[in-house]
Amino acid sequence: MYVLIKNRLASKYELDNSYTLDEALKLYALYERDMDIQTMRAEEMKAEVNKRR
């Protein structure tokens, strides 16, 4: 859950008092999916640039 706090998606207080474990895990999964999508887009952009050379 440190990742959620570090990336300002949730505070320690929110994780302790507002979210259930299931909700916090879903939030983390959404964050991971977003990071994966950004990584894939960056790789696609690199491939496109390299293709043009």
Protein backbone atom coordinates (compact mmCIF):
# COMPACT_ATOMS: atom_id res chain seq x y z
CA MET A 1 0.00 0.00 0.00
CA TYR A 2 3.08 2.19 0.24
CA VAL A 3 2.86 2.70 -3.54
CA LEU A 4 -0.59 4.22 -3.19
CA ILE A 5 0.63 6.66 -0.55
CA LYS A 6 3.87 7.48 -2.39
CA ASN A 7 2.02 8.28 -5.60
CA ARG A 8 -0.59 10.30 -3.74
CA LEU A 9 -3.46 8.06 -4.73
CA ALA A 10 -4.49 7.60 -1.11
CA SER A 11 -3.30 8.78 2.26
CA LYS A 12 -2.38 6.51 5.16
CA TYR A 13 -5.47 7.80 6.95
CA GLU A 14 -7.69 6.92 3.98
CA LEU A 15 -6.22 3.44 3.72
CA ASP A 16 -6.74 2.85 7.42
CA ASN A 17 -10.20 4.37 7.73
CA SER A 18 -11.93 4.78 4.38
CA TYR A 19 -10.97 1.85 2.16
CA THR A 20 -11.51 -1.84 2.69
CA LEU A 21 -8.60 -4.09 1.74
CA ASP A 22 -10.45 -5.12 -1.42
CA GLU A 23 -10.93 -1.48 -2.46
CA ALA A 24 -7.30 -0.64 -1.78
CA LEU A 25 -6.15 -3.65 -3.80
CA LYS A 26 -8.41 -2.62 -6.69
CA LEU A 27 -6.95 0.89 -6.57
CA TYR A 28 -3.46 -0.59 -6.65
CA ALA A 29 -4.39 -2.84 -9.59
CA LEU A 30 -5.71 0.16 -11.53
CA TYR A 31 -2.50 2.04 -10.80
CA GLU A 32 -0.38 -0.90 -12.02
CA ARG A 33 -2.48 -1.20 -15.18
CA ASP A 34 -2.00 2.50 -15.89
CA MET A 35 1.77 2.14 -15.44
CA ASP A 36 1.80 -0.85 -17.81
CA ILE A 37 -0.12 1.11 -20.43
CA GLN A 38 2.29 4.05 -20.16
CA THR A 39 5.26 1.71 -20.53
CA MET A 40 3.75 0.05 -23.60
CA ARG A 41 3.05 3.43 -25.21
CA ALA A 42 6.61 4.58 -24.57
CA GLU A 43 7.96 1.37 -26.13
CA GLU A 44 5.68 1.82 -29.14
CA MET A 45 6.91 5.40 -29.58
CA LYS A 46 10.54 4.25 -29.41
CA ALA A 47 9.86 1.53 -31.98
CA GLU A 48 8.21 4.08 -34.28
CA VAL A 49 11.15 6.47 -33.99
CA ASN A 50 13.62 3.66 -34.66
CA LYS A 51 11.56 2.49 -37.64
CA ARG A 52 11.83 5.94 -39.25
CA ARG A 53 15.62 5.96 -39.08
